[in-house]
Amino acid sequence: MKISSLLKDLQYKEERPAVQVLLDSDAGKEIRIAFKKGQEMKEHHAPFPIVVEVFEGHILFGVEGEKVDLKRGDLITLKSKVPHDLKALQDSIVRLSLSRADGIERVEKVTE
């Protein structure tokens, strides 16, 4: 059994979103991305399906040219290889659920 928290040891970065693995299990990876207002993740795609939850805040989620407002408690799922981007309209905490085969390095690279 593993236990983690989306709020414990929460740290924001001034220059880019802060990415942290919260859980890495046989089922997959749970990632926390902490955005300061105005921070973005440029357009990218995941090699496997993903689930994104806005735990706190307000995110403008771009997917295939459409912009979707996601607020606290909202979830969105994408199939593999669907282009998407994120922009924080206020300080936000995002939970990203990844396939076990996907890597945190890929997520961190998108925040650079």
PDB file of N, CA and C in Angstrom:
ATOM      1  N   MET A   1       0.848  -1.182   0.000  1.00  0.00           N
ATOM      2  CA  MET A   1       0.000   0.000   0.000  1.00  0.00           C
ATOM      3  C   MET A   1       0.886   1.235   0.000  1.00  0.00           C
ATOM      4  N   LYS A   2       0.475   2.210  -0.797  1.00  0.00           N
ATOM      5  CA  LYS A   2       1.182   3.487  -0.865  1.00  0.00           C
ATOM      6  C   LYS A   2       0.163   4.588  -0.618  1.00  0.00           C
ATOM      7  N   ILE A   3       0.579   5.617   0.098  1.00  0.00           N
ATOM      8  CA  ILE A   3      -0.286   6.758   0.391  1.00  0.00           C
ATOM      9  C   ILE A   3       0.442   8.029   0.009  1.00  0.00           C
ATOM     10  N   SER A   4      -0.275   8.969  -0.579  1.00  0.00           N
ATOM     11  CA  SER A   4       0.301  10.253  -0.933  1.00  0.00           C
ATOM     12  C   SER A   4      -0.773  11.318  -0.778  1.00  0.00           C
ATOM     13  N   SER A   5      -0.401  12.570  -0.998  1.00  0.00           N
ATOM     14  CA  SER A   5      -1.328  13.687  -0.862  1.00  0.00           C
ATOM     15  C   SER A   5      -1.071  14.712  -1.952  1.00  0.00           C
ATOM     16  N   LEU A   6      -2.143  15.241  -2.521  1.00  0.00           N
ATOM     17  CA  LEU A   6      -2.010  16.306  -3.505  1.00  0.00           C
ATOM     18  C   LEU A   6      -1.619  17.634  -2.849  1.00  0.00           C
ATOM     19  N   LEU A   7      -1.763  17.737  -1.532  1.00  0.00           N
ATOM     20  CA  LEU A   7      -1.479  18.986  -0.833  1.00  0.00           C
ATOM     21  C   LEU A   7      -0.179  18.987  -0.028  1.00  0.00           C
ATOM     22  N   LYS A   8       0.256  17.820   0.426  1.00  0.00           N
ATOM     23  CA  LYS A   8       1.456  17.754   1.260  1.00  0.00           C
ATOM     24  C   LYS A   8       2.699  18.127   0.456  1.00  0.00           C
ATOM     25  N   ASP A   9       3.553  18.931   1.061  1.00  0.00           N
ATOM     26  CA  ASP A   9       4.816  19.356   0.452  1.00  0.00           C
ATOM     27  C   ASP A   9       4.610  20.042  -0.896  1.00  0.00           C
ATOM     28  N   LEU A  10       3.506  20.753  -1.042  1.00  0.00           N
ATOM     29  CA  LEU A  10       3.194  21.456  -2.280  1.00  0.00           C
ATOM     30  C   LEU A  10       4.151  22.627  -2.478  1.00  0.00           C
ATOM     31  N   GLN A  11       4.781  22.674  -3.631  1.00  0.00           N
ATOM     32  CA  GLN A  11       5.699  23.761  -3.969  1.00  0.00           C
ATOM     33  C   GLN A  11       5.413  24.231  -5.386  1.00  0.00           C
ATOM     34  N   TYR A  12       5.365  25.544  -5.560  1.00  0.00           N
ATOM     35  CA  TYR A  12       5.230  26.154  -6.879  1.00  0.00           C
ATOM     36  C   TYR A  12       6.604  26.662  -7.304  1.00  0.00           C
ATOM     37  N   LYS A  13       6.841  26.703  -8.601  1.00  0.00           N
ATOM     38  CA  LYS A  13       8.058  27.272  -9.147  1.00  0.00           C
ATOM     39  C   LYS A  13       7.691  28.571  -9.859  1.00  0.00           C
ATOM     40  N   GLU A  14       8.553  29.549  -9.763  1.00  0.00           N
ATOM     41  CA  GLU A  14       8.286  30.834 -10.404  1.00  0.00           C
ATOM     42  C   GLU A  14       8.403  30.758 -11.917  1.00  0.00           C
ATOM     43  N   GLU A  15       9.352  29.970 -12.417  1.00  0.00           N
ATOM     44  CA  GLU A  15       9.678  29.992 -13.841  1.00  0.00           C
ATOM     45  C   GLU A  15       8.867  29.010 -14.688  1.00  0.00           C
ATOM     46  N   ARG A  16       8.317  27.951 -14.079  1.00  0.00           N
ATOM     47  CA  ARG A  16       7.566  26.955 -14.849  1.00  0.00           C
ATOM     48  C   ARG A  16       6.749  26.092 -13.896  1.00  0.00           C
ATOM     49  N   PRO A  17       5.778  25.348 -14.427  1.00  0.00           N
ATOM     50  CA  PRO A  17       4.996  24.456 -13.549  1.00  0.00           C
ATOM     51  C   PRO A  17       5.892  23.439 -12.836  1.00  0.00           C
ATOM     52  N   ALA A  18       5.528  23.122 -11.610  1.00  0.00           N
ATOM     53  CA  ALA A  18       6.276  22.153 -10.805  1.00  0.00           C
ATOM     54  C   ALA A  18       5.642  20.768 -10.959  1.00  0.00           C
ATOM     55  N   VAL A  19       6.437  19.806 -11.382  1.00  0.00           N
ATOM     56  CA  VAL A  19       5.962  18.451 -11.645  1.00  0.00           C
ATOM     57  C   VAL A  19       6.533  17.502 -10.593  1.00  0.00           C
ATOM     58  N   GLN A  20       5.668  16.684  -9.989  1.00  0.00           N
ATOM     59  CA  GLN A  20       6.122  15.731  -8.977  1.00  0.00           C
ATOM     60  C   GLN A  20       5.336  14.436  -9.082  1.00  0.00           C
ATOM     61  N   VAL A  21       6.044  13.319  -9.048  1.00  0.00           N
ATOM     62  CA  VAL A  21       5.395  12.011  -8.990  1.00  0.00           C
ATOM     63  C   VAL A  21       4.890  11.798  -7.566  1.00  0.00           C
ATOM     64  N   LEU A  22       3.605  11.534  -7.426  1.00  0.00           N
ATOM     65  CA  LEU A  22       3.033  11.261  -6.104  1.00  0.00           C
ATOM     66  C   LEU A  22       2.961   9.769  -5.831  1.00  0.00           C
ATOM     67  N   LEU A  23       2.586   9.004  -6.845  1.00  0.00           N
ATOM     68  CA  LEU A  23       2.516   7.551  -6.710  1.00  0.00           C
ATOM     69  C   LEU A  23       3.018   6.902  -7.994  1.00  0.00           C
ATOM     70  N   ASP A  24       3.775   5.849  -7.831  1.00  0.00           N
ATOM     71  CA  ASP A  24       4.255   5.052  -8.964  1.00  0.00           C
ATOM     72  C   ASP A  24       3.969   3.604  -8.591  1.00  0.00           C
ATOM     73  N   SER A  25       2.954   3.029  -9.240  1.00  0.00           N
ATOM     74  CA  SER A  25       2.516   1.691  -8.859  1.00  0.00           C
ATOM     75  C   SER A  25       2.398   0.805 -10.091  1.00  0.00           C
ATOM     76  N   ASP A  26       2.018  -0.424  -9.874  1.00  0.00           N
ATOM     77  CA  ASP A  26       1.796  -1.344 -10.989  1.00  0.00           C
ATOM     78  C   ASP A  26       0.647  -0.876 -11.888  1.00  0.00           C
ATOM     79  N   ALA A  27      -0.271  -0.104 -11.337  1.00  0.00           N
ATOM     80  CA  ALA A  27      -1.436   0.375 -12.099  1.00  0.00           C
ATOM     81  C   ALA A  27      -1.116   1.585 -12.968  1.00  0.00           C
ATOM     82  N   GLY A  28      -0.140   2.387 -12.569  1.00  0.00           N
ATOM     83  CA  GLY A  28       0.197   3.596 -13.320  1.00  0.00           C
ATOM     84  C   GLY A  28       0.899   4.607 -12.448  1.00  0.00           C
ATOM     85  N   LYS A  29       0.966   5.835 -12.940  1.00  0.00           N
ATOM     86  CA  LYS A  29       1.636   6.919 -12.219  1.00  0.00           C
ATOM     87  C   LYS A  29       0.639   8.046 -11.974  1.00  0.00           C
ATOM     88  N   GLU A  30       0.694   8.622 -10.786  1.00  0.00           N
ATOM     89  CA  GLU A  30      -0.110   9.793 -10.438  1.00  0.00           C
ATOM     90  C   GLU A  30       0.860  10.953 -10.241  1.00  0.00           C
ATOM     91  N   ILE A  31       0.653  11.990 -11.034  1.00  0.00           N
ATOM     92  CA  ILE A  31       1.562  13.128 -11.074  1.00  0.00           C
ATOM     93  C   ILE A  31       0.818  14.367 -10.593  1.00  0.00           C
ATOM     94  N   ARG A  32       1.488  15.215  -9.817  1.00  0.00           N
ATOM     95  CA  ARG A  32       0.936  16.518  -9.439  1.00  0.00           C
ATOM     96  C   ARG A  32       1.678  17.580 -10.235  1.00  0.00           C
ATOM     97  N   ILE A  33       0.921  18.467 -10.863  1.00  0.00           N
ATOM     98  CA  ILE A  33       1.509  19.605 -11.553  1.00  0.00           C
ATOM     99  C   ILE A  33       0.945  20.862 -10.893  1.00  0.00           C
ATOM    100  N   ALA A  34       1.834  21.665 -10.298  1.00  0.00           N
ATOM    101  CA  ALA A  34       1.437  22.891  -9.616  1.00  0.00           C
ATOM    102  C   ALA A  34       1.760  24.083 -10.522  1.00  0.00           C
ATOM    103  N   PHE A  35       0.726  24.795 -10.921  1.00  0.00           N
ATOM    104  CA  PHE A  35       0.857  25.941 -11.809  1.00  0.00           C
ATOM    105  C   PHE A  35       0.659  27.241 -11.041  1.00  0.00           C
ATOM    106  N   LYS A  36       1.512  28.209 -11.264  1.00  0.00           N
ATOM    107  CA  LYS A  36       1.229  29.574 -10.842  1.00  0.00           C
ATOM    108  C   LYS A  36       0.413  30.205 -11.952  1.00  0.00           C
ATOM    109  N   LYS A  37      -0.414  31.180 -11.619  1.00  0.00           N
ATOM    110  CA  LYS A  37      -1.243  31.864 -12.607  1.00  0.00           C
ATOM    111  C   LYS A  37      -0.392  32.296 -13.802  1.00  0.00           C
ATOM    112  N   GLY A  38      -0.850  31.976 -15.007  1.00  0.00           N
ATOM    113  CA  GLY A  38      -0.168  32.364 -16.235  1.00  0.00           C
ATOM    114  C   GLY A  38       0.810  31.334 -16.782  1.00  0.00           C
ATOM    115  N   GLN A  39       1.200  30.358 -15.976  1.00  0.00           N
ATOM    116  CA  GLN A  39       2.127  29.337 -16.467  1.00  0.00           C
ATOM    117  C   GLN A  39       1.428  28.406 -17.443  1.00  0.00           C
ATOM    118  N   GLU A  40       2.220  27.847 -18.376  1.00  0.00           N
ATOM    119  CA  GLU A  40       1.658  27.022 -19.439  1.00  0.00           C
ATOM    120  C   GLU A  40       2.456  25.748 -19.642  1.00  0.00           C
ATOM    121  N   MET A  41       1.802  24.790 -20.243  1.00  0.00           N
ATOM    122  CA  MET A  41       2.466  23.625 -20.828  1.00  0.00           C
ATOM    123  C   MET A  41       2.167  23.706 -22.314  1.00  0.00           C
ATOM    124  N   LYS A  42       3.215  23.849 -23.115  1.00  0.00           N
ATOM    125  CA  LYS A  42       3.031  23.996 -24.562  1.00  0.00           C
ATOM    126  C   LYS A  42       2.379  22.747 -25.157  1.00  0.00           C
ATOM    127  N   GLU A  43       1.919  22.873 -26.391  1.00  0.00           N
ATOM    128  CA  GLU A  43       1.227  21.758 -27.031  1.00  0.00           C
ATOM    129  C   GLU A  43       2.125  20.520 -27.079  1.00  0.00           C
ATOM    130  N   HIS A  44       1.537  19.415 -26.736  1.00  0.00           N
ATOM    131  CA  HIS A  44       2.251  18.141 -26.698  1.00  0.00           C
ATOM    132  C   HIS A  44       1.213  17.022 -26.815  1.00  0.00           C
ATOM    133  N   HIS A  45       1.674  15.802 -26.813  1.00  0.00           N
ATOM    134  CA  HIS A  45       0.764  14.659 -26.786  1.00  0.00           C
ATOM    135  C   HIS A  45       1.405  13.547 -25.962  1.00  0.00           C
ATOM    136  N   ALA A  46       0.563  12.680 -25.460  1.00  0.00           N
ATOM    137  CA  ALA A  46       1.025  11.555 -24.658  1.00  0.00           C
ATOM    138  C   ALA A  46       0.982  10.284 -25.506  1.00  0.00           C
ATOM    139  N   PRO A  47       1.946   9.398 -25.325  1.00  0.00           N
ATOM    140  CA  PRO A  47       1.965   8.162 -26.114  1.00  0.00           C
ATOM    141  C   PRO A  47       0.900   7.146 -25.691  1.00  0.00           C
ATOM    142  N   PHE A  48       0.284   7.390 -24.540  1.00  0.00           N
ATOM    143  CA  PHE A  48      -0.755   6.502 -24.008  1.00  0.00           C
ATOM    144  C   PHE A  48      -1.928   7.363 -23.539  1.00  0.00           C
ATOM    145  N   PRO A  49      -3.103   6.790 -23.325  1.00  0.00           N
ATOM    146  CA  PRO A  49      -4.227   7.577 -22.799  1.00  0.00           C
ATOM    147  C   PRO A  49      -3.881   8.197 -21.442  1.00  0.00           C
ATOM    148  N   ILE A  50      -4.491   9.358 -21.164  1.00  0.00           N
ATOM    149  CA  ILE A  50      -4.269  10.063 -19.891  1.00  0.00           C
ATOM    150  C   ILE A  50      -5.604  10.512 -19.309  1.00  0.00           C
ATOM    151  N   VAL A  51      -5.576  10.806 -18.006  1.00  0.00           N
ATOM    152  CA  VAL A  51      -6.691  11.460 -17.327  1.00  0.00           C
ATOM    153  C   VAL A  51      -6.106  12.667 -16.600  1.00  0.00           C
ATOM    154  N   VAL A  52      -6.759  13.821 -16.770  1.00  0.00           N
ATOM    155  CA  VAL A  52      -6.338  15.062 -16.114  1.00  0.00           C
ATOM    156  C   VAL A  52      -7.469  15.519 -15.208  1.00  0.00           C
ATOM    157  N   GLU A  53      -7.138  15.825 -13.963  1.00  0.00           N
ATOM    158  CA  GLU A  53      -8.106  16.354 -12.996  1.00  0.00           C
ATOM    159  C   GLU A  53      -7.608  17.707 -12.506  1.00  0.00           C
ATOM    160  N   VAL A  54      -8.483  18.705 -12.505  1.00  0.00           N
ATOM    161  CA  VAL A  54      -8.152  19.975 -11.866  1.00  0.00           C
ATOM    162  C   VAL A  54      -8.581  19.833 -10.405  1.00  0.00           C
ATOM    163  N   PHE A  55      -7.599  19.650  -9.541  1.00  0.00           N
ATOM    164  CA  PHE A  55      -7.867  19.475  -8.111  1.00  0.00           C
ATOM    165  C   PHE A  55      -8.200  20.818  -7.472  1.00  0.00           C
ATOM    166  N   GLU A  56      -7.513  21.852  -7.937  1.00  0.00           N
ATOM    167  CA  GLU A  56      -7.718  23.205  -7.415  1.00  0.00           C
ATOM    168  C   GLU A  56      -7.383  24.189  -8.513  1.00  0.00           C
ATOM    169  N   GLY A  57      -8.163  25.256  -8.643  1.00  0.00           N
ATOM    170  CA  GLY A  57      -7.827  26.306  -9.579  1.00  0.00           C
ATOM    171  C   GLY A  57      -8.677  26.312 -10.835  1.00  0.00           C
ATOM    172  N   HIS A  58      -8.086  26.853 -11.904  1.00  0.00           N
ATOM    173  CA  HIS A  58      -8.796  27.056 -13.169  1.00  0.00           C
ATOM    174  C   HIS A  58      -7.790  26.945 -14.302  1.00  0.00           C
ATOM    175  N   ILE A  59      -8.016  26.016 -15.204  1.00  0.00           N
ATOM    176  CA  ILE A  59      -7.109  25.724 -16.314  1.00  0.00           C
ATOM    177  C   ILE A  59      -7.854  25.906 -17.638  1.00  0.00           C
ATOM    178  N   LEU A  60      -7.191  26.540 -18.592  1.00  0.00           N
ATOM    179  CA  LEU A  60      -7.692  26.563 -19.965  1.00  0.00           C
ATOM    180  C   LEU A  60      -6.980  25.432 -20.685  1.00  0.00           C
ATOM    181  N   PHE A  61      -7.753  24.435 -21.078  1.00  0.00           N
ATOM    182  CA  PHE A  61      -7.212  23.203 -21.654  1.00  0.00           C
ATOM    183  C   PHE A  61      -7.488  23.222 -23.150  1.00  0.00           C
ATOM    184  N   GLY A  62      -6.438  23.283 -23.943  1.00  0.00           N
ATOM    185  CA  GLY A  62      -6.573  23.267 -25.388  1.00  0.00           C
ATOM    186  C   GLY A  62      -6.445  21.851 -25.904  1.00  0.00           C
ATOM    187  N   VAL A  63      -7.405  21.440 -26.728  1.00  0.00           N
ATOM    188  CA  VAL A  63      -7.349  20.098 -27.295  1.00  0.00           C
ATOM    189  C   VAL A  63      -7.808  20.165 -28.748  1.00  0.00           C
ATOM    190  N   GLU A  64      -6.889  19.844 -29.639  1.00  0.00           N
ATOM    191  CA  GLU A  64      -7.154  19.837 -31.078  1.00  0.00           C
ATOM    192  C   GLU A  64      -7.826  21.125 -31.546  1.00  0.00           C
ATOM    193  N   GLY A  65      -7.295  22.274 -31.106  1.00  0.00           N
ATOM    194  CA  GLY A  65      -7.794  23.570 -31.542  1.00  0.00           C
ATOM    195  C   GLY A  65      -8.968  24.119 -30.752  1.00  0.00           C
ATOM    196  N   GLU A  66      -9.569  23.328 -29.876  1.00  0.00           N
ATOM    197  CA  GLU A  66     -10.695  23.776 -29.046  1.00  0.00           C
ATOM    198  C   GLU A  66     -10.185  24.095 -27.649  1.00  0.00           C
ATOM    199  N   LYS A  67     -10.713  25.162 -27.033  1.00  0.00           N
ATOM    200  CA  LYS A  67     -10.340  25.529 -25.670  1.00  0.00           C
ATOM    201  C   LYS A  67     -11.470  25.140 -24.722  1.00  0.00           C
ATOM    202  N   VAL A  68     -11.120  24.439 -23.659  1.00  0.00           N
ATOM    203  CA  VAL A  68     -12.091  23.970 -22.675  1.00  0.00           C
ATOM    204  C   VAL A  68     -11.711  24.544 -21.319  1.00  0.00           C
ATOM    205  N   ASP A  69     -12.676  25.187 -20.643  1.00  0.00           N
ATOM    206  CA  ASP A  69     -12.472  25.685 -19.285  1.00  0.00           C
ATOM    207  C   ASP A  69     -12.604  24.528 -18.314  1.00  0.00           C
ATOM    208  N   LEU A  70     -11.562  24.272 -17.551  1.00  0.00           N
ATOM    209  CA  LEU A  70     -11.620  23.237 -16.521  1.00  0.00           C
ATOM    210  C   LEU A  70     -11.407  23.902 -15.168  1.00  0.00           C
ATOM    211  N   LYS A  71     -12.316  23.652 -14.247  1.00  0.00           N
ATOM    212  CA  LYS A  71     -12.236  24.230 -12.912  1.00  0.00           C
ATOM    213  C   LYS A  71     -12.166  23.118 -11.873  1.00  0.00           C
ATOM    214  N   ARG A  72     -12.022  23.521 -10.638  1.00  0.00           N
ATOM    215  CA  ARG A  72     -11.896  22.593  -9.522  1.00  0.00           C
ATOM    216  C   ARG A  72     -12.888  21.436  -9.631  1.00  0.00           C
ATOM    217  N   GLY A  73     -12.345  20.216  -9.599  1.00  0.00           N
ATOM    218  CA  GLY A  73     -13.167  19.017  -9.641  1.00  0.00           C
ATOM    219  C   GLY A  73     -13.406  18.458 -11.031  1.00  0.00           C
ATOM    220  N   ASP A  74     -13.082  19.218 -12.070  1.00  0.00           N
ATOM    221  CA  ASP A  74     -13.303  18.738 -13.440  1.00  0.00           C
ATOM    222  C   ASP A  74     -12.240  17.728 -13.847  1.00  0.00           C
ATOM    223  N   LEU A  75     -12.677  16.760 -14.657  1.00  0.00           N
ATOM    224  CA  LEU A  75     -11.787  15.732 -15.208  1.00  0.00           C
ATOM    225  C   LEU A  75     -11.943  15.692 -16.719  1.00  0.00           C
ATOM    226  N   ILE A  76     -10.848  15.350 -17.394  1.00  0.00           N
ATOM    227  CA  ILE A  76     -10.885  15.150 -18.834  1.00  0.00           C
ATOM    228  C   ILE A  76      -9.981  13.966 -19.157  1.00  0.00           C
ATOM    229  N   THR A  77     -10.383  13.175 -20.109  1.00  0.00           N
ATOM    230  CA  THR A  77      -9.558  12.052 -20.540  1.00  0.00           C
ATOM    231  C   THR A  77      -9.252  12.213 -22.020  1.00  0.00           C
ATOM    232  N   LEU A  78      -8.065  11.797 -22.404  1.00  0.00           N
ATOM    233  CA  LEU A  78      -7.646  11.857 -23.799  1.00  0.00           C
ATOM    234  C   LEU A  78      -7.079  10.516 -24.229  1.00  0.00           C
ATOM    235  N   LYS A  79      -7.345  10.168 -25.466  1.00  0.00           N
ATOM    236  CA  LYS A  79      -6.711   8.995 -26.048  1.00  0.00           C
ATOM    237  C   LYS A  79      -5.246   9.316 -26.316  1.00  0.00           C
ATOM    238  N   SER A  80      -4.482   8.327 -26.655  1.00  0.00           N
ATOM    239  CA  SER A  80      -3.070   8.545 -26.964  1.00  0.00           C
ATOM    240  C   SER A  80      -2.909   9.444 -28.185  1.00  0.00           C
ATOM    241  N   LYS A  81      -1.838  10.208 -28.174  1.00  0.00           N
ATOM    242  CA  LYS A  81      -1.402  11.037 -29.309  1.00  0.00           C
ATOM    243  C   LYS A  81      -2.353  12.167 -29.678  1.00  0.00           C
ATOM    244  N   VAL A  82      -3.210  12.609 -28.767  1.00  0.00           N
ATOM    245  CA  VAL A  82      -4.091  13.751 -29.018  1.00  0.00           C
ATOM    246  C   VAL A  82      -3.368  15.022 -28.575  1.00  0.00           C
ATOM    247  N   PRO A  83      -3.116  15.968 -29.489  1.00  0.00           N
ATOM    248  CA  PRO A  83      -2.427  17.211 -29.118  1.00  0.00           C
ATOM    249  C   PRO A  83      -3.248  18.024 -28.112  1.00  0.00           C
ATOM    250  N   HIS A  84      -2.565  18.539 -27.085  1.00  0.00           N
ATOM    251  CA  HIS A  84      -3.230  19.350 -26.078  1.00  0.00           C
ATOM    252  C   HIS A  84      -2.226  20.287 -25.423  1.00  0.00           C
ATOM    253  N   ASP A  85      -2.744  21.339 -24.788  1.00  0.00           N
ATOM    254  CA  ASP A  85      -1.922  22.293 -24.050  1.00  0.00           C
ATOM    255  C   ASP A  85      -2.715  22.774 -22.845  1.00  0.00           C
ATOM    256  N   LEU A  86      -2.021  23.366 -21.882  1.00  0.00           N
ATOM    257  CA  LEU A  86      -2.663  23.840 -20.661  1.00  0.00           C
ATOM    258  C   LEU A  86      -2.145  25.228 -20.319  1.00  0.00           C
ATOM    259  N   LYS A  87      -3.038  26.079 -19.825  1.00  0.00           N
ATOM    260  CA  LYS A  87      -2.660  27.394 -19.305  1.00  0.00           C
ATOM    261  C   LYS A  87      -3.431  27.629 -18.017  1.00  0.00           C
ATOM    262  N   ALA A  88      -2.711  28.031 -16.970  1.00  0.00           N
ATOM    263  CA  ALA A  88      -3.331  28.288 -15.678  1.00  0.00           C
ATOM    264  C   ALA A  88      -3.907  29.701 -15.658  1.00  0.00           C
ATOM    265  N   LEU A  89      -5.213  29.808 -15.456  1.00  0.00           N
ATOM    266  CA  LEU A  89      -5.867  31.107 -15.346  1.00  0.00           C
ATOM    267  C   LEU A  89      -5.826  31.621 -13.915  1.00  0.00           C
ATOM    268  N   GLN A  90      -5.455  30.745 -12.990  1.00  0.00           N
ATOM    269  CA  GLN A  90      -5.166  31.107 -11.595  1.00  0.00           C
ATOM    270  C   GLN A  90      -4.253  30.021 -11.047  1.00  0.00           C
ATOM    271  N   ASP A  91      -3.668  30.254  -9.872  1.00  0.00           N
ATOM    272  CA  ASP A  91      -2.842  29.205  -9.276  1.00  0.00           C
ATOM    273  C   ASP A  91      -3.668  27.920  -9.249  1.00  0.00           C
ATOM    274  N   SER A  92      -3.066  26.817  -9.695  1.00  0.00           N
ATOM    275  CA  SER A  92      -3.826  25.578  -9.870  1.00  0.00           C
ATOM    276  C   SER A  92      -2.993  24.357  -9.515  1.00  0.00           C
ATOM    277  N   ILE A  93      -3.697  23.309  -9.077  1.00  0.00           N
ATOM    278  CA  ILE A  93      -3.094  22.003  -8.843  1.00  0.00           C
ATOM    279  C   ILE A  93      -3.800  21.020  -9.768  1.00  0.00           C
ATOM    280  N   VAL A  94      -3.010  20.353 -10.604  1.00  0.00           N
ATOM    281  CA  VAL A  94      -3.541  19.401 -11.571  1.00  0.00           C
ATOM    282  C   VAL A  94      -3.002  18.017 -11.245  1.00  0.00           C
ATOM    283  N   ARG A  95      -3.885  17.038 -11.264  1.00  0.00           N
ATOM    284  CA  ARG A  95      -3.491  15.639 -11.104  1.00  0.00           C
ATOM    285  C   ARG A  95      -3.515  14.985 -12.481  1.00  0.00           C
ATOM    286  N   LEU A  96      -2.418  14.376 -12.851  1.00  0.00           N
ATOM    287  CA  LEU A  96      -2.279  13.706 -14.135  1.00  0.00           C
ATOM    288  C   LEU A  96      -2.079  12.220 -13.893  1.00  0.00           C
ATOM    289  N   SER A  97      -2.945  11.411 -14.470  1.00  0.00           N
ATOM    290  CA  SER A  97      -2.829   9.957 -14.363  1.00  0.00           C
ATOM    291  C   SER A  97      -2.228   9.427 -15.647  1.00  0.00           C
ATOM    292  N   LEU A  98      -1.080   8.764 -15.522  1.00  0.00           N
ATOM    293  CA  LEU A  98      -0.334   8.240 -16.667  1.00  0.00           C
ATOM    294  C   LEU A  98      -0.304   6.725 -16.664  1.00  0.00           C
ATOM    295  N   SER A  99      -0.114   6.183 -17.829  1.00  0.00           N
ATOM    296  CA  SER A  99       0.146   4.761 -17.981  1.00  0.00           C
ATOM    297  C   SER A  99       1.464   4.416 -17.294  1.00  0.00           C
ATOM    298  N   ARG A 100       1.547   3.219 -16.830  1.00  0.00           N
ATOM    299  CA  ARG A 100       2.796   2.716 -16.226  1.00  0.00           C
ATOM    300  C   ARG A 100       3.964   2.835 -17.200  1.00  0.00           C
ATOM    301  N   ALA A 101       3.697   2.693 -18.499  1.00  0.00           N
ATOM    302  CA  ALA A 101       4.750   2.724 -19.510  1.00  0.00           C
ATOM    303  C   ALA A 101       5.204   4.144 -19.866  1.00  0.00           C
ATOM    304  N   ASP A 102       4.460   5.159 -19.437  1.00  0.00           N
ATOM    305  CA  ASP A 102       4.813   6.545 -19.733  1.00  0.00           C
ATOM    306  C   ASP A 102       5.836   7.041 -18.713  1.00  0.00           C
ATOM    307  N   GLY A 103       6.543   8.128 -19.050  1.00  0.00           N
ATOM    308  CA  GLY A 103       7.605   8.602 -18.177  1.00  0.00           C
ATOM    309  C   GLY A 103       7.438  10.026 -17.694  1.00  0.00           C
ATOM    310  N   ILE A 104       7.860  10.276 -16.478  1.00  0.00           N
ATOM    311  CA  ILE A 104       7.819  11.612 -15.890  1.00  0.00           C
ATOM    312  C   ILE A 104       8.726  12.577 -16.660  1.00  0.00           C
ATOM    313  N   GLU A 105       9.781  12.054 -17.247  1.00  0.00           N
ATOM    314  CA  GLU A 105      10.718  12.900 -17.993  1.00  0.00           C
ATOM    315  C   GLU A 105      10.004  13.598 -19.145  1.00  0.00           C
ATOM    316  N   ARG A 106       9.091  12.887 -19.793  1.00  0.00           N
ATOM    317  CA  ARG A 106       8.339  13.471 -20.895  1.00  0.00           C
ATOM    318  C   ARG A 106       7.503  14.643 -20.414  1.00  0.00           C
ATOM    319  N   VAL A 107       6.868  14.503 -19.257  1.00  0.00           N
ATOM    320  CA  VAL A 107       6.026  15.555 -18.691  1.00  0.00           C
ATOM    321  C   VAL A 107       6.885  16.755 -18.298  1.00  0.00           C
ATOM    322  N   GLU A 108       8.009  16.505 -17.659  1.00  0.00           N
ATOM    323  CA  GLU A 108       8.889  17.600 -17.243  1.00  0.00           C
ATOM    324  C   GLU A 108       9.403  18.384 -18.444  1.00  0.00           C
ATOM    325  N   LYS A 109       9.708  17.699 -19.526  1.00  0.00           N
ATOM    326  CA  LYS A 109      10.232  18.372 -20.726  1.00  0.00           C
ATOM    327  C   LYS A 109       9.216  19.372 -21.294  1.00  0.00           C
ATOM    328  N   VAL A 110       7.937  19.058 -21.195  1.00  0.00           N
ATOM    329  CA  VAL A 110       6.898  19.936 -21.720  1.00  0.00           C
ATOM    330  C   VAL A 110       6.813  21.238 -20.919  1.00  0.00           C
ATOM    331  N   THR A 111       7.242  21.239 -19.662  1.00  0.00           N
ATOM    332  CA  THR A 111       7.171  22.447 -18.833  1.00  0.00           C
ATOM    333  C   THR A 111       8.347  23.379 -19.055  1.00  0.00           C
ATOM    334  N   GLU A 112       9.356  22.960 -19.788  1.00  0.00           N
ATOM    335  CA  GLU A 112      10.551  23.782 -19.986  1.00  0.00           C
ATOM    336  C   GLU A 112      10.282  24.943 -20.912  1.00  0.00           C
TER     337      GLU A 112
END
